[in-house]
């Protein structure tokens, strides 16, 4: 990975490069819409930039590929010898974004 950026979305951080497809928390955008992220670090030919003043004019752009739901995970709680059991499922919503450029 030559040039990459670290972006923040939905209280999580992602390392992305141009052309990557990233699955992030739901953004509320439709398929094909443009998304802009502000990076917290960028590595390019000049080195790693982490200074806020140097990153002020840097942006990471992407396009929404699809919105969907992840596979179901099973949440099972049990207290032994108490005849107490709970079985629940959860499916997390996500948005897939293709990174189109780091500038």
N, C-alpha and C. Protein backbone atom coordinates (compact mmCIF):
# COMPACT_ATOMS: atom_id res chain seq x y z
N UNK A 1 0.85 -1.17 0.00
CA UNK A 1 0.00 0.00 0.00
C UNK A 1 0.90 1.24 0.00
N UNK A 2 0.99 1.91 -1.14
CA UNK A 2 1.87 3.07 -1.24
C UNK A 2 1.24 4.30 -0.60
N UNK A 3 0.17 4.80 -1.22
CA UNK A 3 -0.51 5.98 -0.70
C UNK A 3 -1.79 5.54 -0.01
N UNK A 4 -1.98 6.00 1.22
CA UNK A 4 -3.19 5.64 1.95
C UNK A 4 -3.58 6.77 2.88
N UNK A 5 -4.78 6.67 3.41
CA UNK A 5 -5.28 7.66 4.36
C UNK A 5 -6.00 6.93 5.48
N UNK A 6 -6.07 7.56 6.63
CA UNK A 6 -6.84 7.05 7.75
C UNK A 6 -8.01 8.00 7.94
N UNK A 7 -9.24 7.46 7.80
CA UNK A 7 -10.44 8.28 7.91
C UNK A 7 -11.26 7.83 9.12
N UNK A 8 -12.14 8.72 9.57
CA UNK A 8 -13.04 8.42 10.67
C UNK A 8 -14.46 8.46 10.15
N UNK A 9 -15.24 7.42 10.50
CA UNK A 9 -16.65 7.38 10.14
C UNK A 9 -17.38 6.57 11.18
N UNK A 10 -18.38 7.17 11.81
CA UNK A 10 -19.19 6.45 12.78
C UNK A 10 -18.40 5.98 13.99
N UNK A 11 -17.51 6.81 14.51
CA UNK A 11 -16.67 6.55 15.69
C UNK A 11 -15.70 5.40 15.48
N UNK A 12 -15.43 5.04 14.22
CA UNK A 12 -14.43 4.03 13.91
C UNK A 12 -13.44 4.62 12.92
N UNK A 13 -12.22 4.08 12.90
CA UNK A 13 -11.20 4.55 11.98
C UNK A 13 -10.88 3.46 10.97
N UNK A 14 -10.66 3.87 9.72
CA UNK A 14 -10.40 2.93 8.64
C UNK A 14 -9.16 3.37 7.87
N UNK A 15 -8.33 2.41 7.48
CA UNK A 15 -7.19 2.68 6.61
C UNK A 15 -7.66 2.38 5.19
N UNK A 16 -7.62 3.39 4.32
CA UNK A 16 -8.13 3.23 2.96
C UNK A 16 -7.10 3.70 1.94
N UNK A 17 -7.15 3.08 0.79
CA UNK A 17 -6.35 3.49 -0.36
C UNK A 17 -7.30 3.70 -1.52
N UNK A 18 -6.82 4.33 -2.56
CA UNK A 18 -7.66 4.60 -3.72
C UNK A 18 -8.04 3.28 -4.38
N UNK A 19 -9.34 3.08 -4.63
CA UNK A 19 -9.85 1.86 -5.24
C UNK A 19 -10.38 0.84 -4.24
N UNK A 20 -10.15 1.05 -2.95
CA UNK A 20 -10.64 0.12 -1.93
C UNK A 20 -12.15 0.22 -1.79
N UNK A 21 -12.77 -0.90 -1.41
CA UNK A 21 -14.19 -0.91 -1.05
C UNK A 21 -14.26 -1.16 0.45
N UNK A 22 -14.86 -0.20 1.17
CA UNK A 22 -14.89 -0.25 2.62
C UNK A 22 -16.33 -0.38 3.08
N UNK A 23 -16.57 -1.27 4.05
CA UNK A 23 -17.91 -1.45 4.63
C UNK A 23 -17.95 -0.67 5.94
N UNK A 24 -18.73 0.42 5.96
CA UNK A 24 -18.80 1.29 7.13
C UNK A 24 -20.23 1.36 7.63
N UNK A 25 -20.42 2.03 8.76
CA UNK A 25 -21.76 2.18 9.31
C UNK A 25 -22.63 2.98 8.34
N UNK A 26 -23.94 2.82 8.47
CA UNK A 26 -24.90 3.43 7.54
C UNK A 26 -24.74 4.94 7.48
N UNK A 27 -24.69 5.46 6.25
CA UNK A 27 -24.53 6.89 6.03
C UNK A 27 -25.83 7.58 5.64
N UNK A 28 -26.81 6.84 5.18
CA UNK A 28 -28.05 7.46 4.72
C UNK A 28 -27.94 8.02 3.32
N UNK A 29 -27.00 7.54 2.54
CA UNK A 29 -26.83 7.97 1.15
C UNK A 29 -27.30 6.85 0.23
N UNK A 30 -27.74 7.23 -0.96
CA UNK A 30 -28.21 6.26 -1.95
C UNK A 30 -27.05 5.78 -2.81
N UNK A 31 -27.27 4.68 -3.54
CA UNK A 31 -26.27 4.11 -4.42
C UNK A 31 -25.86 5.12 -5.48
N UNK A 32 -24.56 5.29 -5.66
CA UNK A 32 -24.03 6.20 -6.66
C UNK A 32 -23.72 7.59 -6.14
N UNK A 33 -24.17 7.95 -4.96
CA UNK A 33 -23.91 9.29 -4.41
C UNK A 33 -22.46 9.40 -3.97
N UNK A 34 -21.96 10.63 -4.01
CA UNK A 34 -20.59 10.91 -3.59
C UNK A 34 -20.54 11.14 -2.09
N UNK A 35 -19.44 10.69 -1.47
CA UNK A 35 -19.22 10.85 -0.04
C UNK A 35 -17.83 11.45 0.15
N UNK A 36 -17.71 12.41 1.06
CA UNK A 36 -16.43 13.04 1.35
C UNK A 36 -16.07 12.83 2.81
N UNK A 37 -14.85 12.39 3.05
CA UNK A 37 -14.35 12.17 4.40
C UNK A 37 -13.18 13.12 4.66
N UNK A 38 -13.01 13.51 5.92
CA UNK A 38 -11.83 14.28 6.30
C UNK A 38 -10.84 13.32 6.95
N UNK A 39 -9.64 13.23 6.41
CA UNK A 39 -8.67 12.27 6.95
C UNK A 39 -8.02 12.78 8.24
N UNK A 40 -7.58 11.84 9.06
CA UNK A 40 -6.81 12.21 10.25
C UNK A 40 -5.33 11.95 10.04
N UNK A 41 -5.00 11.22 8.97
CA UNK A 41 -3.60 11.01 8.58
C UNK A 41 -3.57 10.62 7.11
N UNK A 42 -2.53 11.08 6.40
CA UNK A 42 -2.36 10.75 4.99
C UNK A 42 -0.90 10.41 4.74
N UNK A 43 -0.65 9.27 4.08
CA UNK A 43 0.71 8.92 3.68
C UNK A 43 0.81 9.02 2.17
N UNK A 44 1.75 9.82 1.71
CA UNK A 44 1.98 9.95 0.28
C UNK A 44 3.49 9.95 0.04
N UNK A 45 3.91 10.43 -1.12
CA UNK A 45 5.34 10.42 -1.46
C UNK A 45 6.17 11.29 -0.52
N UNK A 46 5.54 12.30 0.08
CA UNK A 46 6.26 13.21 0.98
C UNK A 46 6.40 12.64 2.38
N UNK A 47 5.70 11.59 2.70
CA UNK A 47 5.76 10.99 4.03
C UNK A 47 4.39 10.98 4.67
N UNK A 48 4.36 10.74 5.97
CA UNK A 48 3.11 10.65 6.71
C UNK A 48 2.75 12.02 7.27
N UNK A 49 1.57 12.51 6.91
CA UNK A 49 1.08 13.80 7.42
C UNK A 49 0.04 13.56 8.49
N UNK A 50 0.26 14.12 9.68
CA UNK A 50 -0.71 14.00 10.76
C UNK A 50 -1.06 15.36 11.35
N UNK A 51 -0.39 16.41 10.92
CA UNK A 51 -0.62 17.75 11.44
C UNK A 51 -1.95 18.29 10.93
N UNK A 52 -2.76 18.86 11.82
CA UNK A 52 -4.08 19.36 11.43
C UNK A 52 -3.99 20.48 10.39
N UNK A 53 -2.99 21.32 10.49
CA UNK A 53 -2.84 22.41 9.51
C UNK A 53 -2.50 21.85 8.13
N UNK A 54 -1.68 20.82 8.06
CA UNK A 54 -1.31 20.22 6.77
C UNK A 54 -2.47 19.44 6.17
N UNK A 55 -3.36 18.90 7.02
CA UNK A 55 -4.49 18.09 6.54
C UNK A 55 -5.74 18.92 6.26
N UNK A 56 -5.68 20.23 6.50
CA UNK A 56 -6.87 21.06 6.35
C UNK A 56 -7.42 21.04 4.92
N UNK A 57 -6.54 20.96 3.93
CA UNK A 57 -6.99 20.97 2.53
C UNK A 57 -7.05 19.58 1.91
N UNK A 58 -6.79 18.52 2.69
CA UNK A 58 -6.85 17.15 2.18
C UNK A 58 -8.25 16.58 2.35
N UNK A 59 -8.70 15.81 1.35
CA UNK A 59 -10.00 15.15 1.42
C UNK A 59 -9.89 13.75 0.82
N UNK A 60 -10.78 12.88 1.27
CA UNK A 60 -10.90 11.53 0.72
C UNK A 60 -12.32 11.42 0.17
N UNK A 61 -12.44 11.10 -1.12
CA UNK A 61 -13.75 11.01 -1.75
C UNK A 61 -14.06 9.57 -2.09
N UNK A 62 -15.35 9.27 -2.11
CA UNK A 62 -15.79 7.92 -2.43
C UNK A 62 -17.18 7.94 -3.02
N UNK A 63 -17.61 6.81 -3.54
CA UNK A 63 -18.94 6.64 -4.10
C UNK A 63 -19.61 5.46 -3.41
N UNK A 64 -20.88 5.61 -3.10
CA UNK A 64 -21.62 4.54 -2.42
C UNK A 64 -21.86 3.42 -3.43
N UNK A 65 -21.45 2.20 -3.05
CA UNK A 65 -21.63 1.03 -3.91
C UNK A 65 -22.98 0.39 -3.61
N UNK A 66 -23.27 0.18 -2.32
CA UNK A 66 -24.55 -0.40 -1.94
C UNK A 66 -24.80 -0.21 -0.45
N UNK A 67 -26.07 -0.33 -0.09
CA UNK A 67 -26.49 -0.36 1.31
C UNK A 67 -27.02 -1.76 1.58
N UNK A 68 -26.77 -2.27 2.77
CA UNK A 68 -27.23 -3.62 3.05
C UNK A 68 -27.23 -3.92 4.53
N UNK A 69 -27.42 -5.20 4.82
CA UNK A 69 -27.40 -5.67 6.20
C UNK A 69 -26.45 -6.86 6.29
N UNK A 70 -25.70 -6.91 7.36
CA UNK A 70 -24.72 -7.97 7.55
C UNK A 70 -25.41 -9.27 7.94
N UNK A 71 -24.63 -10.34 8.01
CA UNK A 71 -25.18 -11.62 8.43
C UNK A 71 -25.64 -11.54 9.88
N UNK A 72 -26.61 -12.35 10.20
CA UNK A 72 -27.16 -12.34 11.54
C UNK A 72 -26.18 -12.97 12.53
N UNK A 73 -26.04 -12.32 13.68
CA UNK A 73 -25.30 -12.91 14.78
C UNK A 73 -26.30 -13.29 15.85
N UNK A 74 -26.03 -14.38 16.55
CA UNK A 74 -26.94 -14.88 17.58
C UNK A 74 -26.42 -14.44 18.94
N UNK A 75 -27.30 -13.82 19.73
CA UNK A 75 -26.97 -13.41 21.09
C UNK A 75 -27.75 -14.34 22.01
N UNK A 76 -27.02 -15.18 22.75
CA UNK A 76 -27.67 -16.17 23.61
C UNK A 76 -27.20 -15.95 25.04
N UNK A 77 -28.15 -15.70 25.95
CA UNK A 77 -27.85 -15.51 27.36
C UNK A 77 -28.53 -16.62 28.15
N UNK A 78 -27.80 -17.15 29.13
CA UNK A 78 -28.35 -18.24 29.92
C UNK A 78 -27.80 -18.18 31.34
N UNK A 79 -28.67 -18.45 32.30
CA UNK A 79 -28.23 -18.60 33.69
C UNK A 79 -28.47 -20.05 34.08
N UNK A 80 -27.42 -20.74 34.38
CA UNK A 80 -27.54 -22.17 34.63
C UNK A 80 -28.33 -22.45 35.91
N UNK A 81 -29.03 -23.54 35.85
CA UNK A 81 -29.86 -24.05 36.95
C UNK A 81 -31.00 -23.10 37.34
N UNK A 82 -31.28 -22.08 36.54
CA UNK A 82 -32.35 -21.13 36.86
C UNK A 82 -33.48 -21.19 35.84
N UNK A 83 -33.35 -22.03 34.81
CA UNK A 83 -34.33 -22.13 33.75
C UNK A 83 -34.58 -20.77 33.10
N UNK A 84 -33.50 -20.03 32.89
CA UNK A 84 -33.60 -18.70 32.29
C UNK A 84 -32.72 -18.65 31.05
N UNK A 85 -33.35 -18.44 29.91
CA UNK A 85 -32.63 -18.37 28.64
C UNK A 85 -33.22 -17.27 27.77
N UNK A 86 -32.34 -16.58 27.03
CA UNK A 86 -32.78 -15.59 26.06
C UNK A 86 -31.99 -15.83 24.78
N UNK A 87 -32.68 -15.88 23.67
CA UNK A 87 -32.02 -16.01 22.38
C UNK A 87 -32.50 -14.89 21.49
N UNK A 88 -31.59 -14.05 21.05
CA UNK A 88 -31.91 -12.91 20.20
C UNK A 88 -30.95 -12.91 19.01
N UNK A 89 -31.36 -12.26 17.95
CA UNK A 89 -30.50 -12.10 16.79
C UNK A 89 -30.31 -10.63 16.49
N UNK A 90 -29.24 -10.31 15.76
CA UNK A 90 -28.98 -8.92 15.39
C UNK A 90 -28.35 -8.88 14.01
N UNK A 91 -28.83 -7.96 13.17
CA UNK A 91 -28.24 -7.71 11.86
C UNK A 91 -27.91 -6.24 11.77
N UNK A 92 -26.63 -5.93 11.56
CA UNK A 92 -26.17 -4.55 11.51
C UNK A 92 -26.30 -3.99 10.10
N UNK A 93 -26.83 -2.78 9.98
CA UNK A 93 -26.89 -2.10 8.69
C UNK A 93 -25.51 -1.57 8.32
N UNK A 94 -25.20 -1.53 7.02
CA UNK A 94 -23.92 -1.00 6.58
C UNK A 94 -24.06 -0.31 5.24
N UNK A 95 -23.04 0.45 4.88
CA UNK A 95 -22.92 1.10 3.58
C UNK A 95 -21.55 0.75 3.03
N UNK A 96 -21.50 0.24 1.80
CA UNK A 96 -20.23 -0.04 1.14
C UNK A 96 -19.85 1.17 0.30
N UNK A 97 -18.62 1.63 0.49
CA UNK A 97 -18.13 2.82 -0.22
C UNK A 97 -16.86 2.45 -0.96
N UNK A 98 -16.80 2.79 -2.26
CA UNK A 98 -15.56 2.62 -3.05
C UNK A 98 -14.81 3.95 -3.00
N UNK A 99 -13.58 3.91 -2.54
CA UNK A 99 -12.74 5.11 -2.43
C UNK A 99 -12.26 5.48 -3.83
N UNK A 100 -12.62 6.69 -4.26
CA UNK A 100 -12.26 7.11 -5.61
C UNK A 100 -11.01 7.97 -5.67
N UNK A 101 -10.68 8.64 -4.58
CA UNK A 101 -9.49 9.47 -4.62
C UNK A 101 -9.10 10.03 -3.27
N UNK A 102 -7.79 10.23 -3.13
CA UNK A 102 -7.24 10.89 -1.95
C UNK A 102 -6.50 12.11 -2.46
N UNK A 103 -6.99 13.28 -2.08
CA UNK A 103 -6.35 14.50 -2.57
C UNK A 103 -6.16 15.50 -1.45
